[in-house]
């Protein structure tokens, strides 16, 4: 029993000293893609994102970084003097597998997004709730690259490519496409 207790304490200590808890935030340039998305007048919707991560060292150059991030997504349309917006708010969970080298990093991983709200707005009209027309869960692939300074601050870019349709209408293909740029801060930077 003492050996098991000692092993648990040692494993917890090593994991804690080899991990970094942190915060990240930035700007989304979101859009919608797919066969059933009208491209006429479509533009990127600018939004924000922010959340937390926990970077766990898994070897000399590799780490696993689970993230939980709020993300404002959707698209904007401008046609014949009329503006419309599709605003989608997600809570995204992403475990990134990272390769790290002298401050630089690249990462890839799956992402699962949970739809929190979905609204459309056309010039001068009230917001219309469209959450019932969309799936509650979105699956995507994420790829990220960036640089982290020794003091824990860093910057990065990321692309999330939707793999599952977000439309709840049968046979309709609509996918999230999100490009992100942002800043990050590791509360316990590696030495």
N, C-alpha and C. Protein backbone atom coordinates (compact mmCIF):
# COMPACT_ATOMS: atom_id res chain seq x y z
N UNK A 1 0.83 -1.19 0.00
CA UNK A 1 0.00 0.00 0.00
C UNK A 1 0.87 1.26 0.00
N UNK A 2 1.96 1.23 0.78
CA UNK A 2 2.86 2.38 0.83
C UNK A 2 3.50 2.63 -0.52
N UNK A 3 3.84 1.54 -1.26
CA UNK A 3 4.45 1.70 -2.58
C UNK A 3 3.48 2.33 -3.57
N UNK A 4 2.24 1.91 -3.52
CA UNK A 4 1.22 2.50 -4.41
C UNK A 4 1.04 3.97 -4.09
N UNK A 5 0.95 4.32 -2.82
CA UNK A 5 0.79 5.71 -2.39
C UNK A 5 1.98 6.54 -2.85
N UNK A 6 3.19 6.03 -2.69
CA UNK A 6 4.41 6.72 -3.10
C UNK A 6 4.43 6.90 -4.62
N UNK A 7 4.02 5.86 -5.36
CA UNK A 7 3.97 5.95 -6.82
C UNK A 7 2.99 7.04 -7.27
N UNK A 8 1.82 7.11 -6.67
CA UNK A 8 0.81 8.12 -7.02
C UNK A 8 1.35 9.52 -6.75
N UNK A 9 2.00 9.73 -5.61
CA UNK A 9 2.57 11.04 -5.29
C UNK A 9 3.66 11.41 -6.28
N UNK A 10 4.54 10.47 -6.60
CA UNK A 10 5.63 10.72 -7.54
C UNK A 10 5.08 11.03 -8.94
N UNK A 11 4.12 10.25 -9.40
CA UNK A 11 3.53 10.48 -10.73
C UNK A 11 2.84 11.83 -10.79
N UNK A 12 2.11 12.20 -9.74
CA UNK A 12 1.43 13.50 -9.70
C UNK A 12 2.44 14.64 -9.71
N UNK A 13 3.51 14.51 -8.95
CA UNK A 13 4.55 15.54 -8.90
C UNK A 13 5.22 15.71 -10.25
N UNK A 14 5.58 14.60 -10.90
CA UNK A 14 6.24 14.68 -12.20
C UNK A 14 5.32 15.27 -13.25
N UNK A 15 4.07 14.87 -13.26
CA UNK A 15 3.11 15.40 -14.22
C UNK A 15 2.91 16.89 -14.00
N UNK A 16 2.79 17.32 -12.77
CA UNK A 16 2.58 18.73 -12.46
C UNK A 16 3.78 19.57 -12.87
N UNK A 17 5.00 19.09 -12.63
CA UNK A 17 6.18 19.87 -13.00
C UNK A 17 6.39 19.88 -14.50
N UNK A 18 5.82 18.94 -15.23
CA UNK A 18 6.00 18.87 -16.67
C UNK A 18 4.77 19.39 -17.43
N UNK A 19 3.87 20.10 -16.76
CA UNK A 19 2.66 20.58 -17.40
C UNK A 19 2.53 22.09 -17.23
N UNK A 20 1.78 22.68 -18.16
CA UNK A 20 1.55 24.12 -18.13
C UNK A 20 0.06 24.39 -18.29
N UNK A 21 -0.50 25.05 -17.31
CA UNK A 21 -1.88 25.52 -17.41
C UNK A 21 -1.81 26.90 -18.05
N UNK A 22 -2.76 27.24 -18.91
CA UNK A 22 -2.68 28.55 -19.55
C UNK A 22 -4.01 29.07 -20.06
N UNK A 23 -3.94 30.30 -20.54
CA UNK A 23 -5.10 31.01 -21.09
C UNK A 23 -4.80 31.39 -22.53
N UNK A 24 -5.83 31.43 -23.35
CA UNK A 24 -5.67 31.84 -24.75
C UNK A 24 -6.89 32.64 -25.19
N UNK A 25 -6.67 33.58 -26.09
CA UNK A 25 -7.76 34.41 -26.61
C UNK A 25 -7.32 35.03 -27.92
N UNK A 26 -8.31 35.41 -28.73
CA UNK A 26 -7.97 36.04 -29.99
C UNK A 26 -9.17 36.30 -30.87
N UNK A 27 -8.90 36.36 -32.16
CA UNK A 27 -9.87 36.75 -33.17
C UNK A 27 -10.18 35.57 -34.08
N UNK A 28 -11.46 35.32 -34.32
CA UNK A 28 -11.93 34.32 -35.29
C UNK A 28 -12.27 35.01 -36.60
N UNK A 29 -11.94 34.37 -37.69
CA UNK A 29 -12.46 34.73 -39.01
C UNK A 29 -13.21 33.49 -39.47
N UNK A 30 -14.52 33.48 -39.23
CA UNK A 30 -15.33 32.28 -39.43
C UNK A 30 -16.13 32.38 -40.71
N UNK A 31 -16.44 31.21 -41.25
CA UNK A 31 -17.26 31.13 -42.44
C UNK A 31 -17.97 29.79 -42.46
N UNK A 32 -18.87 29.62 -43.40
CA UNK A 32 -19.57 28.36 -43.60
C UNK A 32 -19.23 27.86 -44.99
N UNK A 33 -19.07 26.55 -45.13
CA UNK A 33 -18.76 25.95 -46.42
C UNK A 33 -19.60 24.71 -46.63
N UNK A 34 -19.54 24.19 -47.86
CA UNK A 34 -20.28 22.97 -48.17
C UNK A 34 -21.14 23.14 -49.40
N UNK A 35 -21.64 22.03 -49.90
CA UNK A 35 -22.43 22.02 -51.13
C UNK A 35 -23.71 22.85 -51.03
N UNK A 36 -24.28 22.95 -49.85
CA UNK A 36 -25.57 23.62 -49.69
C UNK A 36 -25.45 25.03 -49.12
N UNK A 37 -24.26 25.62 -49.20
CA UNK A 37 -24.05 26.99 -48.73
C UNK A 37 -23.98 27.91 -49.94
N UNK A 38 -24.80 28.94 -49.95
CA UNK A 38 -24.81 29.92 -51.03
C UNK A 38 -23.60 30.82 -50.87
N UNK A 39 -22.70 30.82 -51.86
CA UNK A 39 -21.48 31.62 -51.78
C UNK A 39 -21.68 33.06 -52.24
N UNK A 40 -22.82 33.37 -52.86
CA UNK A 40 -23.05 34.73 -53.35
C UNK A 40 -23.18 35.71 -52.18
N UNK A 41 -22.29 36.68 -52.14
CA UNK A 41 -22.32 37.70 -51.09
C UNK A 41 -21.79 37.25 -49.75
N UNK A 42 -21.26 36.03 -49.66
CA UNK A 42 -20.79 35.49 -48.39
C UNK A 42 -19.44 36.11 -48.02
N UNK A 43 -19.30 36.47 -46.74
CA UNK A 43 -18.05 37.03 -46.22
C UNK A 43 -17.76 36.39 -44.87
N UNK A 44 -16.51 36.51 -44.46
CA UNK A 44 -16.13 35.99 -43.14
C UNK A 44 -16.77 36.81 -42.04
N UNK A 45 -17.16 36.14 -40.98
CA UNK A 45 -17.70 36.80 -39.80
C UNK A 45 -16.58 36.91 -38.77
N UNK A 46 -16.28 38.12 -38.36
CA UNK A 46 -15.26 38.33 -37.34
C UNK A 46 -15.89 38.11 -35.97
N UNK A 47 -15.18 37.40 -35.11
CA UNK A 47 -15.67 37.13 -33.77
C UNK A 47 -14.50 36.91 -32.83
N UNK A 48 -14.81 36.59 -31.61
CA UNK A 48 -13.76 36.37 -30.61
C UNK A 48 -13.80 34.93 -30.14
N UNK A 49 -12.71 34.52 -29.54
CA UNK A 49 -12.67 33.24 -28.85
C UNK A 49 -11.78 33.40 -27.62
N UNK A 50 -11.96 32.52 -26.67
CA UNK A 50 -11.12 32.55 -25.48
C UNK A 50 -11.36 31.30 -24.65
N UNK A 51 -10.31 30.88 -23.95
CA UNK A 51 -10.45 29.69 -23.15
C UNK A 51 -9.19 29.32 -22.40
N UNK A 52 -9.15 28.06 -22.01
CA UNK A 52 -8.05 27.55 -21.20
C UNK A 52 -7.42 26.34 -21.88
N UNK A 53 -6.16 26.06 -21.53
CA UNK A 53 -5.49 24.86 -22.01
C UNK A 53 -4.62 24.30 -20.90
N UNK A 54 -4.21 23.05 -21.09
CA UNK A 54 -3.31 22.38 -20.15
C UNK A 54 -2.33 21.56 -20.97
N UNK A 55 -1.11 22.05 -21.12
CA UNK A 55 -0.10 21.42 -21.97
C UNK A 55 0.71 20.42 -21.14
N UNK A 56 0.59 19.13 -21.47
CA UNK A 56 1.23 18.06 -20.71
C UNK A 56 2.38 17.48 -21.54
N UNK A 57 3.59 17.56 -21.01
CA UNK A 57 4.77 17.04 -21.70
C UNK A 57 4.65 15.53 -21.81
N UNK A 58 4.86 15.02 -23.05
CA UNK A 58 4.74 13.59 -23.28
C UNK A 58 6.04 13.01 -23.86
N UNK A 59 7.09 13.75 -23.82
CA UNK A 59 8.39 13.33 -24.34
C UNK A 59 9.26 14.55 -24.53
N UNK A 60 10.44 14.34 -25.09
CA UNK A 60 11.39 15.44 -25.25
C UNK A 60 10.84 16.55 -26.14
N UNK A 61 10.16 16.19 -27.22
CA UNK A 61 9.66 17.19 -28.17
C UNK A 61 8.15 17.19 -28.33
N UNK A 62 7.46 16.30 -27.62
CA UNK A 62 6.01 16.17 -27.82
C UNK A 62 5.25 16.51 -26.55
N UNK A 63 4.03 16.98 -26.75
CA UNK A 63 3.13 17.23 -25.63
C UNK A 63 1.69 17.04 -26.11
N UNK A 64 0.80 16.86 -25.14
CA UNK A 64 -0.63 16.78 -25.41
C UNK A 64 -1.26 17.98 -24.73
N UNK A 65 -2.08 18.71 -25.49
CA UNK A 65 -2.66 19.94 -24.96
C UNK A 65 -4.18 19.94 -25.11
N UNK A 66 -4.91 19.48 -24.08
CA UNK A 66 -6.36 19.62 -24.10
C UNK A 66 -6.75 21.09 -23.92
N UNK A 67 -7.77 21.53 -24.68
CA UNK A 67 -8.23 22.92 -24.62
C UNK A 67 -9.75 22.94 -24.50
N UNK A 68 -10.25 23.93 -23.78
CA UNK A 68 -11.69 24.20 -23.70
C UNK A 68 -11.86 25.67 -24.04
N UNK A 69 -12.55 25.97 -25.16
CA UNK A 69 -12.57 27.32 -25.71
C UNK A 69 -13.97 27.71 -26.15
N UNK A 70 -14.41 28.92 -25.76
CA UNK A 70 -15.62 29.54 -26.31
C UNK A 70 -15.24 30.12 -27.67
N UNK A 71 -16.09 29.93 -28.69
CA UNK A 71 -15.79 30.40 -30.03
C UNK A 71 -17.03 30.96 -30.71
N UNK A 72 -16.95 32.23 -31.16
CA UNK A 72 -18.03 32.87 -31.92
C UNK A 72 -17.78 32.59 -33.40
N UNK A 73 -18.69 31.87 -34.03
CA UNK A 73 -18.53 31.42 -35.42
C UNK A 73 -19.74 31.82 -36.25
N UNK A 74 -19.75 31.44 -37.54
CA UNK A 74 -20.87 31.73 -38.41
C UNK A 74 -20.43 32.29 -39.74
N UNK A 75 -21.25 33.18 -40.31
CA UNK A 75 -20.94 33.82 -41.60
C UNK A 75 -21.75 35.10 -41.73
N UNK A 76 -21.35 35.91 -42.71
CA UNK A 76 -22.02 37.19 -42.98
C UNK A 76 -22.34 37.23 -44.47
N UNK A 77 -23.48 37.83 -44.83
CA UNK A 77 -23.87 37.96 -46.23
C UNK A 77 -24.22 39.42 -46.52
N UNK A 78 -23.79 39.90 -47.69
CA UNK A 78 -24.15 41.24 -48.16
C UNK A 78 -24.53 41.14 -49.62
N UNK A 79 -25.85 41.35 -49.90
CA UNK A 79 -26.36 41.27 -51.27
C UNK A 79 -27.39 42.36 -51.49
N UNK A 80 -27.28 43.04 -52.60
CA UNK A 80 -28.27 44.05 -53.01
C UNK A 80 -28.58 45.04 -51.89
N UNK A 81 -27.56 45.47 -51.16
CA UNK A 81 -27.74 46.45 -50.09
C UNK A 81 -28.31 45.90 -48.81
N UNK A 82 -28.47 44.59 -48.71
CA UNK A 82 -29.02 43.97 -47.50
C UNK A 82 -27.90 43.16 -46.83
N UNK A 83 -27.80 43.31 -45.51
CA UNK A 83 -26.82 42.56 -44.74
C UNK A 83 -27.53 41.53 -43.88
N UNK A 84 -26.94 40.35 -43.79
CA UNK A 84 -27.47 39.30 -42.93
C UNK A 84 -26.31 38.63 -42.23
N UNK A 85 -26.58 38.08 -41.06
CA UNK A 85 -25.54 37.44 -40.27
C UNK A 85 -26.08 36.15 -39.65
N UNK A 86 -25.26 35.10 -39.69
CA UNK A 86 -25.54 33.85 -38.99
C UNK A 86 -24.52 33.78 -37.86
N UNK A 87 -24.97 33.90 -36.61
CA UNK A 87 -24.08 33.92 -35.44
C UNK A 87 -24.25 32.62 -34.65
N UNK A 88 -23.16 31.85 -34.59
CA UNK A 88 -23.14 30.56 -33.91
C UNK A 88 -22.14 30.63 -32.77
N UNK A 89 -22.53 30.25 -31.59
CA UNK A 89 -21.63 30.25 -30.43
C UNK A 89 -21.41 28.82 -29.97
N UNK A 90 -20.13 28.42 -29.93
CA UNK A 90 -19.75 27.05 -29.58
C UNK A 90 -18.85 27.03 -28.35
N UNK A 91 -18.88 25.91 -27.65
CA UNK A 91 -17.90 25.57 -26.63
C UNK A 91 -17.14 24.37 -27.20
N UNK A 92 -15.86 24.60 -27.58
CA UNK A 92 -15.06 23.59 -28.28
C UNK A 92 -14.05 22.92 -27.35
N UNK A 93 -13.97 21.61 -27.46
CA UNK A 93 -13.01 20.81 -26.71
C UNK A 93 -12.06 20.17 -27.72
N UNK A 94 -10.74 20.45 -27.57
CA UNK A 94 -9.75 19.98 -28.53
C UNK A 94 -8.53 19.40 -27.81
N UNK A 95 -8.22 18.13 -27.99
CA UNK A 95 -6.94 17.61 -27.50
C UNK A 95 -5.92 17.67 -28.65
N UNK A 96 -4.99 18.61 -28.59
CA UNK A 96 -3.97 18.75 -29.62
C UNK A 96 -2.74 17.91 -29.28
N UNK A 97 -2.21 17.23 -30.26
CA UNK A 97 -0.91 16.58 -30.13
C UNK A 97 0.10 17.57 -30.70
N UNK A 98 1.04 18.03 -29.85
CA UNK A 98 1.98 19.08 -30.25
C UNK A 98 3.39 18.54 -30.43
N UNK A 99 4.07 19.10 -31.45
CA UNK A 99 5.51 18.92 -31.60
C UNK A 99 6.14 20.25 -31.23
N UNK A 100 7.12 20.25 -30.31
CA UNK A 100 7.72 21.47 -29.78
C UNK A 100 9.22 21.50 -30.08
N UNK A 101 9.72 22.67 -30.49
CA UNK A 101 11.14 22.81 -30.77
C UNK A 101 11.58 24.26 -30.56
N UNK A 102 12.36 24.51 -29.51
CA UNK A 102 12.94 25.83 -29.22
C UNK A 102 11.91 26.96 -29.23
N UNK A 103 10.77 26.73 -28.62
CA UNK A 103 9.73 27.75 -28.54
C UNK A 103 8.66 27.61 -29.61
N UNK A 104 9.03 27.10 -30.77
CA UNK A 104 8.06 26.89 -31.85
C UNK A 104 7.26 25.62 -31.59
N UNK A 105 6.01 25.62 -32.03
CA UNK A 105 5.21 24.40 -31.91
C UNK A 105 4.23 24.29 -33.06
N UNK A 106 3.89 23.07 -33.40
CA UNK A 106 2.79 22.77 -34.32
C UNK A 106 1.95 21.71 -33.65
N UNK A 107 0.66 21.74 -33.92
CA UNK A 107 -0.22 20.77 -33.29
C UNK A 107 -1.38 20.39 -34.18
N UNK A 108 -1.86 19.17 -34.03
CA UNK A 108 -3.03 18.69 -34.75
C UNK A 108 -3.90 17.90 -33.78
N UNK A 109 -5.18 17.85 -34.10
CA UNK A 109 -6.07 17.07 -33.25
C UNK A 109 -7.52 17.20 -33.65
N UNK A 110 -8.35 16.34 -33.11
CA UNK A 110 -9.79 16.43 -33.34
C UNK A 110 -10.41 17.49 -32.46
N UNK A 111 -11.54 18.01 -32.88
CA UNK A 111 -12.27 18.99 -32.08
C UNK A 111 -13.75 18.60 -32.04
N UNK A 112 -14.33 18.70 -30.88
CA UNK A 112 -15.77 18.51 -30.74
C UNK A 112 -16.34 19.83 -30.20
N UNK A 113 -17.34 20.33 -30.90
CA UNK A 113 -17.95 21.61 -30.52
C UNK A 113 -19.38 21.40 -30.07
N UNK A 114 -19.75 22.07 -28.99
CA UNK A 114 -21.12 22.01 -28.47
C UNK A 114 -21.80 23.34 -28.73
N UNK A 115 -22.87 23.32 -29.52
CA UNK A 115 -23.58 24.53 -29.90
C UNK A 115 -24.30 25.11 -28.70
N UNK A 116 -23.98 26.36 -28.35
CA UNK A 116 -24.61 27.04 -27.21
C UNK A 116 -25.78 27.91 -27.67
N UNK A 117 -25.62 28.60 -28.80
CA UNK A 117 -26.71 29.42 -29.35
C UNK A 117 -26.49 29.60 -30.84
N UNK A 118 -27.58 29.88 -31.55
CA UNK A 118 -27.52 30.09 -33.00
C UNK A 118 -28.63 31.07 -33.39
N UNK A 119 -28.24 32.18 -34.02
CA UNK A 119 -29.21 33.20 -34.41
C UNK A 119 -28.87 33.77 -35.77
N UNK A 120 -29.89 34.22 -36.48
CA UNK A 120 -29.70 34.98 -37.70
C UNK A 120 -30.25 36.38 -37.48
N UNK A 121 -29.66 37.33 -38.19
CA UNK A 121 -30.14 38.70 -38.11
C UNK A 121 -30.04 39.32 -39.50
N UNK A 122 -31.14 39.88 -39.97
CA UNK A 122 -31.20 40.59 -41.23
C UNK A 122 -31.42 42.06 -40.89
N UNK A 123 -30.84 42.95 -41.71
CA UNK A 123 -30.94 44.40 -41.45
C UNK A 123 -32.30 44.82 -40.90
N UNK A 124 -32.30 45.47 -39.76
CA UNK A 124 -33.50 46.06 -39.19
C UNK A 124 -34.47 45.09 -38.54
N UNK A 125 -34.27 43.80 -38.69
CA UNK A 125 -35.19 42.81 -38.11
C UNK A 125 -34.65 42.30 -36.78
N UNK A 126 -35.55 41.71 -36.00
CA UNK A 126 -35.13 41.11 -34.74
C UNK A 126 -34.34 39.82 -35.01
N UNK A 127 -33.51 39.45 -34.05
CA UNK A 127 -32.78 38.18 -34.15
C UNK A 127 -33.76 37.03 -34.22
N UNK A 128 -33.43 36.02 -35.03
CA UNK A 128 -34.25 34.82 -35.11
C UNK A 128 -33.43 33.64 -34.61
N UNK A 129 -33.96 32.91 -33.64
CA UNK A 129 -33.28 31.75 -33.09
C UNK A 129 -33.39 30.58 -34.07
N UNK A 130 -32.24 30.04 -34.49
CA UNK A 130 -32.24 28.92 -35.44
C UNK A 130 -31.59 27.66 -34.85
N UNK A 131 -31.40 27.65 -33.54
CA UNK A 131 -30.72 26.52 -32.90
C UNK A 131 -31.41 25.19 -33.17
N UNK A 132 -32.74 25.18 -33.26
CA UNK A 132 -33.47 23.94 -33.52
C UNK A 132 -33.21 23.38 -34.92
N UNK A 133 -32.68 24.22 -35.83
CA UNK A 133 -32.38 23.77 -37.20
C UNK A 133 -30.96 23.23 -37.35
N UNK A 134 -30.19 23.27 -36.26
CA UNK A 134 -28.79 22.86 -36.32
C UNK A 134 -28.52 21.72 -35.35
N UNK A 135 -27.49 20.97 -35.66
CA UNK A 135 -27.08 19.88 -34.77
C UNK A 135 -26.40 20.48 -33.54
N UNK A 136 -26.56 19.83 -32.42
CA UNK A 136 -26.00 20.31 -31.16
C UNK A 136 -24.51 20.06 -31.01
N UNK A 137 -23.96 19.17 -31.88
CA UNK A 137 -22.55 18.80 -31.79
C UNK A 137 -21.91 18.94 -33.18
N UNK A 138 -20.69 19.49 -33.20
CA UNK A 138 -19.94 19.67 -34.44
C UNK A 138 -18.57 19.01 -34.29
N UNK A 139 -18.16 18.23 -35.29
CA UNK A 139 -16.84 17.60 -35.27
C UNK A 139 -15.95 18.27 -36.31
N UNK A 140 -14.70 18.54 -35.91
CA UNK A 140 -13.76 19.23 -36.80
C UNK A 140 -12.35 18.69 -36.59
N UNK A 141 -11.47 19.04 -37.54
CA UNK A 141 -10.04 18.77 -37.41
C UNK A 141 -9.35 20.12 -37.20
N UNK A 142 -8.39 20.16 -36.28
CA UNK A 142 -7.69 21.41 -35.97
C UNK A 142 -6.21 21.26 -36.26
N UNK A 143 -5.62 22.33 -36.80
CA UNK A 143 -4.18 22.39 -36.99
C UNK A 143 -3.72 23.76 -36.50
N UNK A 144 -2.64 23.79 -35.72
CA UNK A 144 -2.17 25.04 -35.10
C UNK A 144 -0.66 25.14 -35.21
N UNK A 145 -0.16 26.37 -35.21
CA UNK A 145 1.28 26.62 -35.19
C UNK A 145 1.51 27.92 -34.44
N UNK A 146 2.64 28.00 -33.72
CA UNK A 146 2.92 29.23 -32.99
C UNK A 146 4.29 29.23 -32.35
N UNK A 147 4.47 30.23 -31.51
CA UNK A 147 5.73 30.39 -30.80
C UNK A 147 5.43 30.81 -29.37
N UNK A 148 6.17 30.22 -28.42
CA UNK A 148 6.00 30.55 -27.01
C UNK A 148 7.34 31.01 -26.43
N UNK A 149 7.35 32.21 -25.86
CA UNK A 149 8.56 32.77 -25.25
C UNK A 149 8.80 32.13 -23.89
N UNK A 150 10.00 32.26 -23.37
CA UNK A 150 10.36 31.67 -22.09
C UNK A 150 9.53 32.23 -20.93
N UNK A 151 9.03 33.47 -21.07
CA UNK A 151 8.24 34.06 -19.99
C UNK A 151 6.78 33.56 -19.98
N UNK A 152 6.44 32.68 -20.92
CA UNK A 152 5.10 32.10 -20.95
C UNK A 152 4.17 32.72 -21.97
N UNK A 153 4.47 33.93 -22.46
CA UNK A 153 3.63 34.54 -23.49
C UNK A 153 3.91 33.91 -24.84
N UNK A 154 2.92 33.91 -25.70
CA UNK A 154 3.10 33.36 -27.02
C UNK A 154 2.02 33.83 -27.98
N UNK A 155 2.20 33.51 -29.24
CA UNK A 155 1.21 33.82 -30.27
C UNK A 155 1.08 32.61 -31.18
N UNK A 156 -0.01 32.53 -31.90
CA UNK A 156 -0.22 31.38 -32.77
C UNK A 156 -1.34 31.63 -33.75
N UNK A 157 -1.44 30.74 -34.72
CA UNK A 157 -2.53 30.72 -35.69
C UNK A 157 -3.08 29.31 -35.72
N UNK A 158 -4.35 29.21 -36.07
CA UNK A 158 -5.00 27.90 -36.06
C UNK A 158 -6.13 27.87 -37.09
N UNK A 159 -6.36 26.69 -37.66
CA UNK A 159 -7.46 26.50 -38.59
C UNK A 159 -8.27 25.29 -38.14
N UNK A 160 -9.59 25.48 -38.04
CA UNK A 160 -10.53 24.41 -37.67
C UNK A 160 -11.39 24.12 -38.90
N UNK A 161 -11.31 22.90 -39.39
CA UNK A 161 -12.03 22.49 -40.59
C UNK A 161 -13.14 21.53 -40.21
N UNK A 162 -14.40 21.98 -40.35
CA UNK A 162 -15.55 21.15 -39.99
C UNK A 162 -15.60 19.86 -40.79
N UNK A 163 -15.83 18.75 -40.11
CA UNK A 163 -15.92 17.44 -40.75
C UNK A 163 -17.34 16.91 -40.81
N UNK A 164 -18.21 17.42 -39.95
CA UNK A 164 -19.60 16.96 -39.93
C UNK A 164 -20.52 18.15 -40.24
N UNK A 165 -21.60 17.85 -40.94
CA UNK A 165 -22.55 18.92 -41.27
C UNK A 165 -23.20 19.44 -40.00
N UNK A 166 -23.40 20.74 -39.94
CA UNK A 166 -24.04 21.33 -38.76
C UNK A 166 -25.55 21.46 -38.95
N UNK A 167 -26.01 21.27 -40.18
CA UNK A 167 -27.44 21.38 -40.46
C UNK A 167 -28.18 20.15 -39.98
N UNK A 168 -29.35 20.37 -39.38
CA UNK A 168 -30.19 19.27 -38.93
C UNK A 168 -31.22 18.88 -40.00
N UNK A 169 -31.14 19.55 -41.17
CA UNK A 169 -32.01 19.23 -42.28
C UNK A 169 -31.40 18.05 -43.05
N UNK A 170 -32.20 17.05 -43.33
CA UNK A 170 -31.73 15.83 -43.98
C UNK A 170 -31.00 16.13 -45.29
N UNK A 171 -29.83 15.53 -45.46
CA UNK A 171 -29.01 15.62 -46.68
C UNK A 171 -28.46 17.02 -46.98
N UNK A 172 -28.56 17.96 -46.06
CA UNK A 172 -28.02 19.30 -46.29
C UNK A 172 -26.59 19.35 -45.75
N UNK A 173 -25.65 19.79 -46.58
CA UNK A 173 -24.22 19.82 -46.23
C UNK A 173 -23.77 21.25 -45.94
N UNK A 174 -23.58 21.55 -44.65
CA UNK A 174 -23.10 22.87 -44.21
C UNK A 174 -22.04 22.61 -43.14
N UNK A 175 -20.84 23.20 -43.33
CA UNK A 175 -19.72 22.93 -42.44
C UNK A 175 -19.12 24.23 -41.91
N UNK A 176 -18.62 24.19 -40.68
CA UNK A 176 -17.89 25.32 -40.11
C UNK A 176 -16.48 25.36 -40.68
N UNK A 177 -16.00 26.57 -40.95
CA UNK A 177 -14.62 26.83 -41.37
C UNK A 177 -14.15 28.03 -40.55
N UNK A 178 -13.12 27.84 -39.71
CA UNK A 178 -12.71 28.91 -38.80
C UNK A 178 -11.19 29.06 -38.80
N UNK A 179 -10.71 30.27 -39.07
CA UNK A 179 -9.29 30.61 -38.95
C UNK A 179 -9.15 31.49 -37.71
N UNK A 180 -8.16 31.19 -36.87
CA UNK A 180 -7.96 31.95 -35.63
C UNK A 180 -6.53 32.48 -35.54
N UNK A 181 -6.40 33.67 -34.99
CA UNK A 181 -5.09 34.18 -34.59
C UNK A 181 -5.25 34.66 -33.15
N UNK A 182 -4.18 34.53 -32.37
CA UNK A 182 -4.35 34.92 -30.98
C UNK A 182 -3.09 34.91 -30.17
N UNK A 183 -3.30 35.22 -28.91
CA UNK A 183 -2.24 35.25 -27.91
C UNK A 183 -2.53 34.18 -26.87
N UNK A 184 -1.47 33.72 -26.23
CA UNK A 184 -1.61 32.70 -25.20
C UNK A 184 -0.63 33.03 -24.07
N UNK A 185 -0.95 32.53 -22.89
CA UNK A 185 -0.05 32.71 -21.76
C UNK A 185 -0.05 31.45 -20.92
N UNK A 186 1.12 30.86 -20.75
CA UNK A 186 1.29 29.69 -19.89
C UNK A 186 1.60 30.17 -18.49
N UNK A 187 0.78 29.80 -17.53
CA UNK A 187 0.96 30.24 -16.16
C UNK A 187 2.17 29.60 -15.50
N UNK A 188 2.63 28.49 -16.05
CA UNK A 188 3.82 27.83 -15.51
C UNK A 188 4.72 27.47 -16.68
N UNK A 189 5.48 28.44 -17.22
CA UNK A 189 6.30 28.16 -18.39
C UNK A 189 7.40 27.17 -18.10
N UNK A 190 7.74 26.38 -19.13
CA UNK A 190 8.85 25.42 -18.96
C UNK A 190 10.17 26.15 -18.97
N UNK A 191 11.15 25.54 -18.35
CA UNK A 191 12.47 26.19 -18.23
C UNK A 191 13.47 25.55 -19.16
